[in-house]
PDB file of N, CA and C in Angstrom:
ATOM      1  N   MET A   1     -21.756 -12.115  -1.666  1.00  0.00           N
ATOM      2  CA  MET A   1     -21.709 -10.962  -0.688  1.00  0.00           C
ATOM      3  C   MET A   1     -21.233 -11.232   0.530  1.00  0.00           C
ATOM      4  N   VAL A   2     -21.587 -12.471   1.271  1.00  0.00           N
ATOM      5  CA  VAL A   2     -21.126 -12.739   2.604  1.00  0.00           C
ATOM      6  C   VAL A   2     -19.640 -12.961   2.643  1.00  0.00           C
ATOM      7  N   LEU A   3     -18.960 -13.582   1.641  1.00  0.00           N
ATOM      8  CA  LEU A   3     -17.682 -13.744   1.663  1.00  0.00           C
ATOM      9  C   LEU A   3     -16.997 -12.156   1.426  1.00  0.00           C
ATOM     10  N   ARG A   4     -17.431 -11.539   0.886  1.00  0.00           N
ATOM     11  CA  ARG A   4     -16.887 -10.114   0.586  1.00  0.00           C
ATOM     12  C   ARG A   4     -16.924  -9.389   1.805  1.00  0.00           C
ATOM     13  N   ASP A   5     -18.176  -9.487   2.687  1.00  0.00           N
ATOM     14  CA  ASP A   5     -18.109  -8.902   3.883  1.00  0.00           C
ATOM     15  C   ASP A   5     -17.037  -9.479   4.904  1.00  0.00           C
ATOM     16  N   LEU A   6     -17.127 -10.732   4.896  1.00  0.00           N
ATOM     17  CA  LEU A   6     -16.004 -11.261   5.779  1.00  0.00           C
ATOM     18  C   LEU A   6     -14.383 -10.808   5.471  1.00  0.00           C
ATOM     19  N   LEU A   7     -14.013 -10.839   4.099  1.00  0.00           N
ATOM     20  CA  LEU A   7     -12.763 -10.214   3.822  1.00  0.00           C
ATOM     21  C   LEU A   7     -12.706  -8.734   4.051  1.00  0.00           C
ATOM     22  N   LEU A   8     -13.735  -8.082   3.906  1.00  0.00           N
ATOM     23  CA  LEU A   8     -13.487  -6.614   4.314  1.00  0.00           C
ATOM     24  C   LEU A   8     -13.346  -6.548   5.742  1.00  0.00           C
ATOM     25  N   GLY A   9     -13.739  -7.491   6.522  1.00  0.00           N
ATOM     26  CA  GLY A   9     -13.407  -7.532   7.964  1.00  0.00           C
ATOM     27  C   GLY A   9     -11.963  -7.549   8.280  1.00  0.00           C
ATOM     28  N   PHE A  10     -11.499  -8.638   7.586  1.00  0.00           N
ATOM     29  CA  PHE A  10      -9.993  -8.963   7.789  1.00  0.00           C
ATOM     30  C   PHE A  10      -9.302  -8.061   7.174  1.00  0.00           C
ATOM     31  N   ILE A  11      -9.755  -7.248   6.176  1.00  0.00           N
ATOM     32  CA  ILE A  11      -8.836  -5.987   5.677  1.00  0.00           C
ATOM     33  C   ILE A  11      -9.028  -4.794   6.794  1.00  0.00           C
ATOM     34  N   ARG A  12      -9.947  -4.611   7.428  1.00  0.00           N
ATOM     35  CA  ARG A  12     -10.161  -3.594   8.462  1.00  0.00           C
ATOM     36  C   ARG A  12      -9.057  -3.850   9.551  1.00  0.00           C
ATOM     37  N   ILE A  13      -8.811  -5.306   9.931  1.00  0.00           N
ATOM     38  CA  ILE A  13      -8.016  -5.457  10.968  1.00  0.00           C
ATOM     39  C   ILE A  13      -6.496  -5.501  10.332  1.00  0.00           C
ATOM     40  N   HIS A  14      -6.290  -5.850   9.149  1.00  0.00           N
ATOM     41  CA  HIS A  14      -4.914  -5.487   8.570  1.00  0.00           C
ATOM     42  C   HIS A  14      -4.695  -4.050   8.640  1.00  0.00           C
ATOM     43  N   ILE A  15      -5.550  -3.139   8.093  1.00  0.00           N
ATOM     44  CA  ILE A  15      -5.357  -1.692   8.368  1.00  0.00           C
ATOM     45  C   ILE A  15      -4.944  -1.218   9.766  1.00  0.00           C
ATOM     46  N   LEU A  16      -5.703  -1.841  10.670  1.00  0.00           N
ATOM     47  CA  LEU A  16      -5.553  -1.304  12.240  1.00  0.00           C
ATOM     48  C   LEU A  16      -4.167  -1.796  12.533  1.00  0.00           C
ATOM     49  N   TYR A  17      -3.837  -3.041  12.297  1.00  0.00           N
ATOM     50  CA  TYR A  17      -2.368  -3.594  12.615  1.00  0.00           C
ATOM     51  C   TYR A  17      -1.185  -2.835  11.968  1.00  0.00           C
ATOM     52  N   HIS A  18      -1.351  -2.521  10.626  1.00  0.00           N
ATOM     53  CA  HIS A  18      -0.172  -2.063   9.903  1.00  0.00           C
ATOM     54  C   HIS A  18      -0.226  -0.437  10.418  1.00  0.00           C
ATOM     55  N   ALA A  19      -1.266   0.108  10.502  1.00  0.00           N
ATOM     56  CA  ALA A  19      -1.381   1.467  10.880  1.00  0.00           C
ATOM     57  C   ALA A  19      -0.877   1.833  12.404  1.00  0.00           C
ATOM     58  N   GLN A  20      -0.925   0.692  13.236  1.00  0.00           N
ATOM     59  CA  GLN A  20      -0.282   0.553  14.538  1.00  0.00           C
ATOM     60  C   GLN A  20       1.223   0.670  14.403  1.00  0.00           C
ATOM     61  N   LYS A  21       1.762  -0.084  13.770  1.00  0.00           N
ATOM     62  CA  LYS A  21       3.192  -0.163  13.294  1.00  0.00           C
ATOM     63  C   LYS A  21       3.785   1.058  12.761  1.00  0.00           C
ATOM     64  N   GLU A  22       3.278   1.523  11.808  1.00  0.00           N
ATOM     65  CA  GLU A  22       3.596   2.865  11.174  1.00  0.00           C
ATOM     66  C   GLU A  22       2.763   3.299  10.341  1.00  0.00           C
ATOM     67  N   PRO A  23       2.751   4.819  10.088  1.00  0.00           N
ATOM     68  CA  PRO A  23       1.890   5.408   9.265  1.00  0.00           C
ATOM     69  C   PRO A  23       1.671   4.620   7.790  1.00  0.00           C
ATOM     70  N   ILE A  24       0.377   4.539   7.470  1.00  0.00           N
ATOM     71  CA  ILE A  24       0.205   4.035   6.157  1.00  0.00           C
ATOM     72  C   ILE A  24      -0.672   4.965   5.177  1.00  0.00           C
ATOM     73  N   TYR A  25      -0.418   4.712   3.684  1.00  0.00           N
ATOM     74  CA  TYR A  25      -1.156   5.601   2.881  1.00  0.00           C
ATOM     75  C   TYR A  25      -1.922   4.554   1.976  1.00  0.00           C
ATOM     76  N   GLY A  26      -2.724   5.030   1.099  1.00  0.00           N
ATOM     77  CA  GLY A  26      -3.609   4.375   0.243  1.00  0.00           C
ATOM     78  C   GLY A  26      -3.072   3.405  -0.649  1.00  0.00           C
ATOM     79  N   LEU A  27      -2.368   3.975  -1.664  1.00  0.00           N
ATOM     80  CA  LEU A  27      -1.737   3.355  -2.786  1.00  0.00           C
ATOM     81  C   LEU A  27      -0.757   2.300  -2.291  1.00  0.00           C
ATOM     82  N   ASP A  28       0.087   2.744  -1.292  1.00  0.00           N
ATOM     83  CA  ASP A  28       1.316   1.667  -0.813  1.00  0.00           C
ATOM     84  C   ASP A  28       0.421   0.327   0.086  1.00  0.00           C
ATOM     85  N   PHE A  29      -0.751   0.883   0.720  1.00  0.00           N
ATOM     86  CA  PHE A  29      -1.555  -0.240   1.311  1.00  0.00           C
ATOM     87  C   PHE A  29      -1.968  -1.155   0.507  1.00  0.00           C
ATOM     88  N   LEU A  30      -2.495  -0.834  -0.748  1.00  0.00           N
ATOM     89  CA  LEU A  30      -3.061  -1.670  -1.722  1.00  0.00           C
ATOM     90  C   LEU A  30      -2.010  -2.714  -1.977  1.00  0.00           C
ATOM     91  N   GLN A  31      -0.887  -2.260  -2.096  1.00  0.00           N
ATOM     92  CA  GLN A  31       0.355  -3.246  -2.495  1.00  0.00           C
ATOM     93  C   GLN A  31       0.468  -4.282  -1.371  1.00  0.00           C
ATOM     94  N   GLU A  32       0.399  -3.663   0.067  1.00  0.00           N
ATOM     95  CA  GLU A  32       0.601  -4.652   0.992  1.00  0.00           C
ATOM     96  C   GLU A  32      -0.443  -5.760   1.079  1.00  0.00           C
ATOM     97  N   LEU A  33      -1.863  -5.153   0.778  1.00  0.00           N
ATOM     98  CA  LEU A  33      -3.146  -6.290   0.645  1.00  0.00           C
ATOM     99  C   LEU A  33      -2.666  -7.274  -0.246  1.00  0.00           C
ATOM    100  N   SER A  34      -2.258  -6.721  -1.538  1.00  0.00           N
ATOM    101  CA  SER A  34      -2.042  -7.546  -2.635  1.00  0.00           C
ATOM    102  C   SER A  34      -1.075  -8.721  -2.191  1.00  0.00           C
ATOM    103  N   ARG A  35      -0.190  -8.429  -1.297  1.00  0.00           N
ATOM    104  CA  ARG A  35       0.812  -9.358  -0.828  1.00  0.00           C
ATOM    105  C   ARG A  35       0.226 -10.600  -0.072  1.00  0.00           C
ATOM    106  N   HIS A  36      -0.907 -10.227   0.576  1.00  0.00           N
ATOM    107  CA  HIS A  36      -1.665 -10.888   1.489  1.00  0.00           C
ATOM    108  C   HIS A  36      -2.795 -11.861   0.544  1.00  0.00           C
ATOM    109  N   GLY A  37      -2.856 -11.239  -0.912  1.00  0.00           N
ATOM    110  CA  GLY A  37      -3.814 -12.177  -1.634  1.00  0.00           C
ATOM    111  C   GLY A  37      -5.204 -11.242  -1.754  1.00  0.00           C
ATOM    112  N   TYR A  38      -5.336 -10.139  -1.346  1.00  0.00           N
ATOM    113  CA  TYR A  38      -6.541  -9.202  -1.369  1.00  0.00           C
ATOM    114  C   TYR A  38      -6.422  -8.354  -2.597  1.00  0.00           C
ATOM    115  N   GLN A  39      -7.301  -8.593  -3.458  1.00  0.00           N
ATOM    116  CA  GLN A  39      -7.349  -7.570  -4.680  1.00  0.00           C
ATOM    117  C   GLN A  39      -8.622  -6.652  -4.600  1.00  0.00           C
ATOM    118  N   ILE A  40      -8.227  -5.619  -4.224  1.00  0.00           N
ATOM    119  CA  ILE A  40      -9.484  -4.565  -4.028  1.00  0.00           C
ATOM    120  C   ILE A  40      -8.979  -3.160  -4.548  1.00  0.00           C
ATOM    121  N   SER A  41      -9.856  -2.398  -4.848  1.00  0.00           N
ATOM    122  CA  SER A  41      -9.608  -1.326  -5.774  1.00  0.00           C
ATOM    123  C   SER A  41      -9.600   0.021  -4.600  1.00  0.00           C
ATOM    124  N   PRO A  42      -8.935   1.133  -5.122  1.00  0.00           N
ATOM    125  CA  PRO A  42      -8.757   2.165  -4.277  1.00  0.00           C
ATOM    126  C   PRO A  42     -10.264   2.803  -3.943  1.00  0.00           C
ATOM    127  N   GLY A  43     -11.276   2.364  -4.840  1.00  0.00           N
ATOM    128  CA  GLY A  43     -12.536   2.895  -4.607  1.00  0.00           C
ATOM    129  C   GLY A  43     -13.330   2.114  -3.387  1.00  0.00           C
ATOM    130  N   THR A  44     -12.600   1.032  -3.150  1.00  0.00           N
ATOM    131  CA  THR A  44     -13.169   0.176  -2.121  1.00  0.00           C
ATOM    132  C   THR A  44     -12.144   0.523  -0.653  1.00  0.00           C
ATOM    133  N   LEU A  45     -11.002   0.612  -0.967  1.00  0.00           N
ATOM    134  CA  LEU A  45     -10.130   1.027   0.067  1.00  0.00           C
ATOM    135  C   LEU A  45     -10.318   2.291   0.828  1.00  0.00           C
ATOM    136  N   TYR A  46     -10.461   3.313   0.142  1.00  0.00           N
ATOM    137  CA  TYR A  46     -10.584   4.667   0.670  1.00  0.00           C
ATOM    138  C   TYR A  46     -11.737   4.966   1.490  1.00  0.00           C
ATOM    139  N   PRO A  47     -12.989   4.652   0.986  1.00  0.00           N
ATOM    140  CA  PRO A  47     -13.904   4.484   1.983  1.00  0.00           C
ATOM    141  C   PRO A  47     -13.768   3.779   3.236  1.00  0.00           C
ATOM    142  N   ILE A  48     -13.026   2.724   3.250  1.00  0.00           N
ATOM    143  CA  ILE A  48     -12.743   2.037   4.539  1.00  0.00           C
ATOM    144  C   ILE A  48     -11.797   2.761   5.352  1.00  0.00           C
ATOM    145  N   PHE A  49     -10.878   3.457   4.989  1.00  0.00           N
ATOM    146  CA  PHE A  49     -10.081   4.339   5.673  1.00  0.00           C
ATOM    147  C   PHE A  49     -10.779   5.446   6.281  1.00  0.00           C
ATOM    148  N   HIS A  50     -11.780   6.042   5.326  1.00  0.00           N
ATOM    149  CA  HIS A  50     -12.544   7.248   5.820  1.00  0.00           C
ATOM    150  C   HIS A  50     -13.658   6.766   6.971  1.00  0.00           C
ATOM    151  N   ASN A  51     -13.959   5.533   6.887  1.00  0.00           N
ATOM    152  CA  ASN A  51     -14.975   5.178   7.936  1.00  0.00           C
ATOM    153  C   ASN A  51     -14.466   4.760   9.231  1.00  0.00           C
ATOM    154  N   LEU A  52     -13.260   4.208   9.058  1.00  0.00           N
ATOM    155  CA  LEU A  52     -12.346   3.987  10.347  1.00  0.00           C
ATOM    156  C   LEU A  52     -11.955   5.285  11.062  1.00  0.00           C
ATOM    157  N   GLU A  53     -11.523   6.289  10.197  1.00  0.00           N
ATOM    158  CA  GLU A  53     -11.316   7.621  10.609  1.00  0.00           C
ATOM    159  C   GLU A  53     -12.511   8.124  11.197  1.00  0.00           C
ATOM    160  N   ALA A  54     -13.596   8.320  10.815  1.00  0.00           N
ATOM    161  CA  ALA A  54     -14.924   8.758  11.351  1.00  0.00           C
ATOM    162  C   ALA A  54     -15.114   8.341  12.441  1.00  0.00           C
ATOM    163  N   LYS A  55     -15.034   6.812  12.689  1.00  0.00           N
ATOM    164  CA  LYS A  55     -15.186   6.132  13.932  1.00  0.00           C
ATOM    165  C   LYS A  55     -14.361   6.299  15.049  1.00  0.00           C
ATOM    166  N   GLY A  56     -13.203   7.013  14.876  1.00  0.00           N
ATOM    167  CA  GLY A  56     -12.239   7.243  15.664  1.00  0.00           C
ATOM    168  C   GLY A  56     -11.196   6.233  15.689  1.00  0.00           C
ATOM    169  N   TYR A  57     -11.150   5.233  14.915  1.00  0.00           N
ATOM    170  CA  TYR A  57     -10.106   4.206  14.943  1.00  0.00           C
ATOM    171  C   TYR A  57      -8.695   4.486  14.255  1.00  0.00           C
ATOM    172  N   LEU A  58      -8.737   5.407  13.376  1.00  0.00           N
ATOM    173  CA  LEU A  58      -7.672   6.007  12.761  1.00  0.00           C
ATOM    174  C   LEU A  58      -7.630   7.469  12.765  1.00  0.00           C
ATOM    175  N   VAL A  59      -6.466   7.958  12.669  1.00  0.00           N
ATOM    176  CA  VAL A  59      -6.169   9.661  12.437  1.00  0.00           C
ATOM    177  C   VAL A  59      -5.466   9.603  11.391  1.00  0.00           C
ATOM    178  N   ALA A  60      -5.830  10.788  10.577  1.00  0.00           N
ATOM    179  CA  ALA A  60      -5.082  11.064   9.244  1.00  0.00           C
ATOM    180  C   ALA A  60      -4.108  12.214   9.515  1.00  0.00           C
ATOM    181  N   GLU A  61      -3.034  12.280   8.841  1.00  0.00           N
ATOM    182  CA  GLU A  61      -2.123  13.450   8.883  1.00  0.00           C
ATOM    183  C   GLU A  61      -1.827  13.637   7.392  1.00  0.00           C
ATOM    184  N   LYS A  62      -1.810  14.665   6.874  1.00  0.00           N
ATOM    185  CA  LYS A  62      -1.537  15.216   5.637  1.00  0.00           C
ATOM    186  C   LYS A  62      -0.201  15.510   5.272  1.00  0.00           C
ATOM    187  N   GLN A  63       0.683  15.050   4.403  1.00  0.00           N
ATOM    188  CA  GLN A  63       1.865  15.214   4.059  1.00  0.00           C
ATOM    189  C   GLN A  63       2.061  15.870   2.745  1.00  0.00           C
ATOM    190  N   LEU A  64       3.019  16.534   2.459  1.00  0.00           N
ATOM    191  CA  LEU A  64       3.450  17.062   1.072  1.00  0.00           C
ATOM    192  C   LEU A  64       4.480  15.987   0.774  1.00  0.00           C
ATOM    193  N   VAL A  65       4.355  15.010  -0.376  1.00  0.00           N
ATOM    194  CA  VAL A  65       5.126  14.341  -0.892  1.00  0.00           C
ATOM    195  C   VAL A  65       5.302  14.421  -2.471  1.00  0.00           C
ATOM    196  N   ALA A  66       6.538  14.755  -3.103  1.00  0.00           N
ATOM    197  CA  ALA A  66       6.833  14.933  -4.237  1.00  0.00           C
ATOM    198  C   ALA A  66       5.657  15.968  -4.872  1.00  0.00           C
ATOM    199  N   GLY A  67       5.450  16.911  -4.108  1.00  0.00           N
ATOM    200  CA  GLY A  67       4.377  18.013  -4.789  1.00  0.00           C
ATOM    201  C   GLY A  67       3.038  17.565  -4.671  1.00  0.00           C
ATOM    202  N   LYS A  68       2.784  16.606  -3.947  1.00  0.00           N
ATOM    203  CA  LYS A  68       1.304  15.992  -3.899  1.00  0.00           C
ATOM    204  C   LYS A  68       0.929  15.850  -2.296  1.00  0.00           C
ATOM    205  N   ILE A  69      -0.241  16.186  -2.047  1.00  0.00           N
ATOM    206  CA  ILE A  69      -0.756  16.127  -0.430  1.00  0.00           C
ATOM    207  C   ILE A  69      -0.955  14.367  -0.555  1.00  0.00           C
ATOM    208  N   ARG A  70      -0.542  13.816   0.362  1.00  0.00           N
ATOM    209  CA  ARG A  70      -0.718  12.407   0.825  1.00  0.00           C
ATOM    210  C   ARG A  70      -1.180  12.401   2.231  1.00  0.00           C
ATOM    211  N   LYS A  71      -2.235  11.506   2.392  1.00  0.00           N
ATOM    212  CA  LYS A  71      -2.890  11.308   3.821  1.00  0.00           C
ATOM    213  C   LYS A  71      -2.101   9.929   4.288  1.00  0.00           C
ATOM    214  N   TYR A  72      -1.536  10.161   5.542  1.00  0.00           N
ATOM    215  CA  TYR A  72      -1.059   9.068   6.329  1.00  0.00           C
ATOM    216  C   TYR A  72      -1.891   8.461   7.390  1.00  0.00           C
ATOM    217  N   TYR A  73      -2.265   7.523   7.621  1.00  0.00           N
ATOM    218  CA  TYR A  73      -3.147   6.990   8.711  1.00  0.00           C
ATOM    219  C   TYR A  73      -2.327   6.272   9.718  1.00  0.00           C
ATOM    220  N   ARG A  74      -2.888   6.658  11.021  1.00  0.00           N
ATOM    221  CA  ARG A  74      -2.204   5.889  12.066  1.00  0.00           C
ATOM    222  C   ARG A  74      -3.291   5.512  12.946  1.00  0.00           C
ATOM    223  N   THR A  75      -2.998   4.508  13.595  1.00  0.00           N
ATOM    224  CA  THR A  75      -4.113   3.750  14.592  1.00  0.00           C
ATOM    225  C   THR A  75      -4.175   4.650  15.826  1.00  0.00           C
ATOM    226  N   THR A  76      -5.472   5.124  16.296  1.00  0.00           N
ATOM    227  CA  THR A  76      -5.710   5.899  17.655  1.00  0.00           C
ATOM    228  C   THR A  76      -5.705   4.713  18.721  1.00  0.00           C
ATOM    229  N   PRO A  77      -5.648   5.370  20.113  1.00  0.00           N
ATOM    230  CA  PRO A  77      -5.684   4.433  21.154  1.00  0.00           C
ATOM    231  C   PRO A  77      -6.978   3.518  20.953  1.00  0.00           C
ATOM    232  N   LYS A  78      -8.084   4.053  20.458  1.00  0.00           N
ATOM    233  CA  LYS A  78      -9.280   3.215  20.317  1.00  0.00           C
ATOM    234  C   LYS A  78      -9.198   2.256  19.268  1.00  0.00           C
ATOM    235  N   GLY A  79      -8.515   2.426  18.408  1.00  0.00           N
ATOM    236  CA  GLY A  79      -8.019   1.559  17.090  1.00  0.00           C
ATOM    237  C   GLY A  79      -7.352   0.442  17.879  1.00  0.00           C
ATOM    238  N   VAL A  80      -6.367   0.692  18.603  1.00  0.00           N
ATOM    239  CA  VAL A  80      -5.485  -0.339  19.273  1.00  0.00           C
ATOM    240  C   VAL A  80      -6.136  -1.203  20.123  1.00  0.00           C
ATOM    241  N   GLN A  81      -7.267  -0.571  21.043  1.00  0.00           N
ATOM    242  CA  GLN A  81      -8.064  -1.394  21.716  1.00  0.00           C
ATOM    243  C   GLN A  81      -9.055  -2.465  20.890  1.00  0.00           C
ATOM    244  N   ALA A  82      -9.567  -1.960  19.731  1.00  0.00           N
ATOM    245  CA  ALA A  82     -10.358  -2.783  18.727  1.00  0.00           C
ATOM    246  C   ALA A  82      -9.412  -3.888  18.178  1.00  0.00           C
ATOM    247  N   LEU A  83      -8.317  -3.564  17.860  1.00  0.00           N
ATOM    248  CA  LEU A  83      -7.201  -4.641  17.251  1.00  0.00           C
ATOM    249  C   LEU A  83      -6.906  -5.554  18.631  1.00  0.00           C
ATOM    250  N   ARG A  84      -6.763  -5.118  19.791  1.00  0.00           N
ATOM    251  CA  ARG A  84      -6.555  -6.341  20.757  1.00  0.00           C
ATOM    252  C   ARG A  84      -7.950  -6.955  20.845  1.00  0.00           C
ATOM    253  N   GLU A  85      -9.071  -6.472  20.744  1.00  0.00           N
ATOM    254  CA  GLU A  85     -10.425  -7.217  20.950  1.00  0.00           C
ATOM    255  C   GLU A  85     -10.559  -8.301  19.721  1.00  0.00           C
ATOM    256  N   ALA A  86      -9.897  -7.769  18.543  1.00  0.00           N
ATOM    257  CA  ALA A  86     -10.044  -8.694  17.337  1.00  0.00           C
ATOM    258  C   ALA A  86      -9.134  -9.805  17.613  1.00  0.00           C
ATOM    259  N   TYR A  87      -7.945  -9.498  17.874  1.00  0.00           N
ATOM    260  CA  TYR A  87      -6.820 -10.455  18.191  1.00  0.00           C
ATOM    261  C   TYR A  87      -7.330 -11.543  19.178  1.00  0.00           C
ATOM    262  N   ASP A  88      -8.012 -10.987  20.381  1.00  0.00           N
ATOM    263  CA  ASP A  88      -8.696 -12.082  21.237  1.00  0.00           C
ATOM    264  C   ASP A  88      -9.769 -12.937  20.614  1.00  0.00           C
ATOM    265  N   LYS A  89     -10.441 -12.406  19.921  1.00  0.00           N
ATOM    266  CA  LYS A  89     -11.741 -12.922  19.085  1.00  0.00           C
ATOM    267  C   LYS A  89     -11.165 -14.033  17.971  1.00  0.00           C
ATOM    268  N   ALA A  90     -10.094 -13.643  17.353  1.00  0.00           N
ATOM    269  CA  ALA A  90      -9.485 -14.508  16.333  1.00  0.00           C
ATOM    270  C   ALA A  90      -8.779 -15.595  16.981  1.00  0.00           C
ATOM    271  N   GLY A  91      -8.023 -15.293  18.185  1.00  0.00           N
ATOM    272  CA  GLY A  91      -7.819 -16.509  19.024  1.00  0.00           C
ATOM    273  C   GLY A  91      -8.681 -17.697  19.325  1.00  0.00           C
ATOM    274  N   GLU A  92      -9.858 -17.177  19.728  1.00  0.00           N
ATOM    275  CA  GLU A  92     -11.034 -17.898  20.227  1.00  0.00           C
ATOM    276  C   GLU A  92     -11.476 -18.777  19.032  1.00  0.00           C
ATOM    277  N   LEU A  93     -11.559 -18.029  17.963  1.00  0.00           N
ATOM    278  CA  LEU A  93     -12.183 -18.683  16.756  1.00  0.00           C
ATOM    279  C   LEU A  93     -11.188 -19.644  16.103  1.00  0.00           C
ATOM    280  N   TRP A  94      -9.967 -19.409  16.196  1.00  0.00           N
ATOM    281  CA  TRP A  94      -9.067 -20.428  15.634  1.00  0.00           C
ATOM    282  C   TRP A  94      -9.057 -21.609  16.453  1.00  0.00           C
ATOM    283  N   ALA A  95      -9.057 -21.469  17.936  1.00  0.00           N
ATOM    284  CA  ALA A  95      -9.084 -22.747  18.820  1.00  0.00           C
ATOM    285  C   ALA A  95     -10.406 -23.632  18.589  1.00  0.00           C
ATOM    286  N   GLU A  96     -11.271 -22.912  18.189  1.00  0.00           N
ATOM    287  CA  GLU A  96     -12.721 -23.621  17.901  1.00  0.00           C
ATOM    288  C   GLU A  96     -12.463 -24.306  16.408  1.00  0.00           C
ATOM    289  N   ILE A  97     -11.917 -23.628  15.367  1.00  0.00           N
ATOM    290  CA  ILE A  97     -12.050 -24.262  14.102  1.00  0.00           C
ATOM    291  C   ILE A  97     -10.754 -24.895  13.649  1.00  0.00           C
ATOM    292  N   GLN A  98      -9.764 -24.969  14.231  1.00  0.00           N
ATOM    293  CA  GLN A  98      -8.544 -25.619  13.885  1.00  0.00           C
ATOM    294  C   GLN A  98      -8.565 -27.102  13.501  1.00  0.00           C
ATOM    295  N   ASP A  99      -9.546 -27.777  14.200  1.00  0.00           N
ATOM    296  CA  ASP A  99      -9.647 -29.008  13.932  1.00  0.00           C
ATOM    297  C   ASP A  99     -10.940 -29.294  12.951  1.00  0.00           C
ATOM    298  N   LEU A 100     -11.552 -28.287  12.339  1.00  0.00           N
ATOM    299  CA  LEU A 100     -12.643 -28.546  11.420  1.00  0.00           C
ATOM    300  C   LEU A 100     -12.144 -29.273  10.317  1.00  0.00           C
ATOM    301  N   ASP A 101     -12.918 -30.305   9.868  1.00  0.00           N
ATOM    302  CA  ASP A 101     -12.697 -31.036   8.544  1.00  0.00           C
ATOM    303  C   ASP A 101     -13.611 -30.471   7.565  1.00  0.00           C
ATOM    304  N   LEU A 102     -13.161 -29.655   6.525  1.00  0.00           N
ATOM    305  CA  LEU A 102     -13.868 -29.018   5.662  1.00  0.00           C
ATOM    306  C   LEU A 102     -14.556 -29.846   4.665  1.00  0.00           C
ATOM    307  N   ASN A 103     -13.890 -31.195   4.607  1.00  0.00           N
ATOM    308  CA  ASN A 103     -14.251 -32.269   3.682  1.00  0.00           C
ATOM    309  C   ASN A 103     -15.546 -33.037   4.234  1.00  0.00           C
ATOM    310  N   ASP A 104     -15.778 -32.659   5.512  1.00  0.00           N
ATOM    311  CA  ASP A 104     -16.918 -33.717   6.107  1.00  0.00           C
ATOM    312  C   ASP A 104     -18.300 -32.881   5.831  1.00  0.00           C
ATOM    313  N   ARG A 105     -19.081 -33.474   5.149  1.00  0.00           N
ATOM    314  CA  ARG A 105     -20.394 -33.011   4.538  1.00  0.00           C
ATOM    315  C   ARG A 105     -21.320 -33.609   5.419  1.00  0.00           C
ATOM    316  N   SER A 106     -21.135 -34.138   6.406  1.00  0.00           N
ATOM    317  CA  SER A 106     -22.303 -34.841   7.420  1.00  0.00           C
ATOM    318  C   SER A 106     -23.040 -33.770   8.018  1.00  0.00           C
TER     319      SER A 106
END
């Protein structure tokens, strides 16, 4: 459960990053996550989108594509600020753990 929670945090950061570069939508984004080694279902991804939207980190825009309504998500200014903070924290963490010897069990 702890590993899953950590990975979901990374997924949220991926979402904010990619949605800041260009609008993203669910099924396409599942493929993007797959490229990075994450295997999650739409039933996991869509609640993350909705939660990030409810908290003001993403904004959704509906578009008609091939006769179907598709929600595209973009990062809001609040989401960009959260992404900056995550970037800073990730840099601090990397500086601390880059010399970690995972084989040392002392």
